[in-house]
Amino acid sequence: MASSGDLDELSAVLGLVKAHARDADLSTVLREVQRDLFAMGAQLADPSARVARRKAKAAVPAARIRRLERAIDARERQMPELKAFILPGGSRLGSFLHLARTVCRRAERSIVTLARAETVDKRILAYVNRLSDLLFVLARYENHRSGESEDRW
């Protein structure tokens, strides 16, 4: 199934980001996201939710989406307001996070397509949407922390 493969690819890119991260907080956030992506992949592979009923870790509760939103808010408060479009890039870590965001957007499109044919938990779509926003904010935050200027379009 393409969407499960897209989530797996996203998790692999996040593993690449973690390998370059020196910040324990970022590594923790990404590890939690990887676990959530695995759970969502399990749900997409098992739309009848047989596994999720037996294993709580295969479910993605609404609290996980709120966790992403809190992570976004916490970092946005520490950066200048975005007043223009920016081009992906900056530091190595910021660039990897921008790459992860694009892979996340592709996964989101794949899941939306799947949802047209099958029943997909709306929380999965909400999670992936908020995750792409978080990855954008994390890219900006890492560039800001490292002193890299944003290349405005």
Protein backbone atom coordinates (compact mmCIF):
# COMPACT_ATOMS: atom_id res chain seq x y z
CA MET A 1 0.00 0.00 0.00
CA ALA A 2 1.52 3.31 -1.09
CA SER A 3 0.53 5.29 2.00
CA SER A 4 2.20 2.83 4.38
CA GLY A 5 5.32 2.98 2.23
CA ASP A 6 5.19 6.79 2.26
CA LEU A 7 4.98 6.78 6.06
CA ASP A 8 7.89 4.35 6.20
CA GLU A 9 9.94 6.64 3.93
CA LEU A 10 9.07 9.62 6.13
CA SER A 11 10.18 7.71 9.21
CA ALA A 12 13.48 6.88 7.49
CA VAL A 13 14.05 10.56 6.64
CA LEU A 14 13.30 11.45 10.26
CA GLY A 15 15.91 8.86 11.26
CA LEU A 16 18.38 10.76 9.07
CA VAL A 17 17.43 14.00 10.81
CA LYS A 18 17.88 12.35 14.23
CA ALA A 19 21.32 11.12 13.19
CA HIS A 20 22.36 14.76 12.66
CA ALA A 21 20.50 16.29 15.61
CA ARG A 22 22.51 17.34 18.62
CA ASP A 23 19.50 18.54 20.57
CA ALA A 24 17.97 15.90 22.86
CA ASP A 25 14.56 17.61 22.73
CA LEU A 26 14.47 17.41 18.92
CA SER A 27 15.54 13.77 19.01
CA THR A 28 12.78 12.99 21.51
CA VAL A 29 10.13 14.72 19.39
CA LEU A 30 11.27 12.85 16.29
CA ARG A 31 11.40 9.49 18.08
CA GLU A 32 7.80 9.99 19.26
CA VAL A 33 6.75 10.92 15.73
CA GLN A 34 8.45 7.82 14.32
CA ARG A 35 6.50 5.67 16.77
CA ASP A 36 3.27 7.41 15.73
CA LEU A 37 4.08 6.89 12.04
CA PHE A 38 4.56 3.19 12.69
CA ALA A 39 1.17 3.06 14.43
CA MET A 40 -0.49 4.89 11.55
CA GLY A 41 1.11 2.52 9.05
CA ALA A 42 -0.33 -0.37 11.04
CA GLN A 43 -3.77 1.25 10.98
CA LEU A 44 -3.62 1.84 7.23
CA ALA A 45 -2.57 -1.77 6.69
CA ASP A 46 -5.41 -2.93 8.96
CA PRO A 47 -8.41 -0.66 8.23
CA SER A 48 -10.73 -2.92 10.22
CA ALA A 49 -8.66 -1.98 13.32
CA ARG A 50 -8.24 -5.56 14.50
CA VAL A 51 -4.67 -4.83 15.62
CA ALA A 52 -5.49 -1.48 17.25
CA ARG A 53 -8.15 -3.14 19.40
CA ARG A 54 -5.54 -5.57 20.75
CA LYS A 55 -2.52 -3.26 20.95
CA ALA A 56 -2.94 0.25 22.30
CA LYS A 57 0.35 1.36 20.73
CA ALA A 58 -1.21 0.81 17.28
CA ALA A 59 -3.73 3.60 17.90
CA VAL A 60 -3.14 7.33 17.41
CA PRO A 61 -5.27 9.26 19.91
CA ALA A 62 -6.16 12.94 19.52
CA ALA A 63 -3.67 13.76 22.30
CA ARG A 64 -0.84 13.02 19.86
CA ILE A 65 -2.12 15.72 17.51
CA ARG A 66 -2.29 18.18 20.40
CA ARG A 67 1.32 17.25 21.26
CA LEU A 68 2.38 18.29 17.75
CA GLU A 69 0.51 21.57 18.09
CA ARG A 70 2.20 22.33 21.42
CA ALA A 71 5.60 21.64 19.85
CA ILE A 72 4.77 24.05 17.01
CA ASP A 73 3.62 26.77 19.41
CA ALA A 74 6.65 26.41 21.68
CA ARG A 75 9.10 26.93 18.83
CA GLU A 76 7.15 29.64 17.03
CA ARG A 77 7.27 31.76 20.18
CA GLN A 78 11.07 31.72 19.98
CA MET A 79 11.36 32.89 16.36
CA PRO A 80 10.56 36.01 14.40
CA GLU A 81 7.16 36.02 12.73
CA LEU A 82 7.20 34.69 9.19
CA LYS A 83 6.22 37.48 6.81
CA ALA A 84 7.30 36.03 3.45
CA PHE A 85 7.60 32.72 1.68
CA ILE A 86 10.96 31.06 2.25
CA LEU A 87 12.93 28.65 0.15
CA PRO A 88 13.91 25.31 1.69
CA GLY A 89 17.52 25.14 2.81
CA GLY A 90 19.73 26.67 5.45
CA SER A 91 21.77 24.51 7.78
CA ARG A 92 22.26 20.81 7.15
CA LEU A 93 19.70 19.94 9.83
CA GLY A 94 17.25 22.60 8.63
CA SER A 95 17.57 21.30 5.08
CA PHE A 96 16.94 17.72 6.20
CA LEU A 97 13.84 18.90 8.06
CA HIS A 98 12.58 20.66 4.92
CA LEU A 99 13.11 17.40 3.03
CA ALA A 100 11.15 15.53 5.71
CA ARG A 101 8.34 18.07 5.33
CA THR A 102 8.07 17.40 1.59
CA VAL A 103 8.01 13.64 2.16
CA CYS A 104 5.31 14.22 4.78
CA ARG A 105 3.23 16.24 2.31
CA ARG A 106 3.49 13.40 -0.20
CA ALA A 107 2.38 10.91 2.43
CA GLU A 108 -0.56 13.18 3.22
CA ARG A 109 -1.60 13.27 -0.46
CA SER A 110 -1.32 9.49 -0.62
CA ILE A 111 -3.51 9.06 2.47
CA VAL A 112 -6.10 11.52 1.11
CA THR A 113 -6.24 9.44 -2.08
CA LEU A 114 -6.61 6.25 -0.05
CA ALA A 115 -9.39 7.86 2.02
CA ARG A 116 -11.43 8.34 -1.15
CA ALA A 117 -11.54 4.56 -1.63
CA GLU A 118 -11.40 3.24 1.93
CA THR A 119 -12.28 4.31 5.42
CA VAL A 120 -9.32 6.10 6.99
CA ASP A 121 -9.33 7.41 10.54
CA LYS A 122 -9.61 11.20 10.27
CA ARG A 123 -7.05 11.53 13.06
CA ILE A 124 -4.42 10.08 10.73
CA LEU A 125 -5.08 12.82 8.20
CA ALA A 126 -5.10 15.49 10.90
CA TYR A 127 -1.88 14.14 12.39
CA VAL A 128 0.02 14.08 9.09
CA ASN A 129 -1.21 17.58 8.25
CA ARG A 130 -0.04 18.97 11.59
CA LEU A 131 3.21 17.00 11.31
CA SER A 132 4.12 18.73 8.05
CA ASP A 133 3.52 22.07 9.79
CA LEU A 134 5.72 20.97 12.68
CA LEU A 135 8.50 19.91 10.33
CA PHE A 136 8.37 23.32 8.64
CA VAL A 137 8.58 25.06 12.00
CA LEU A 138 11.39 22.76 13.13
CA ALA A 139 13.34 23.56 9.96
CA ARG A 140 12.92 27.29 10.59
CA TYR A 141 13.75 26.85 14.27
CA GLU A 142 16.94 24.88 13.58
CA ASN A 143 18.04 27.45 11.02
CA HIS A 144 17.27 30.26 13.45
CA ARG A 145 19.21 28.54 16.25
CA SER A 146 22.21 27.97 14.02
CA GLY A 147 22.21 31.58 12.80
CA GLU A 148 21.26 30.68 9.22
CA SER A 149 19.20 33.35 7.50
CA GLU A 150 16.06 32.38 5.67
CA ASP A 151 16.21 32.70 1.90
CA ARG A 152 13.03 34.63 1.10
CA TRP A 153 11.22 34.24 -2.17
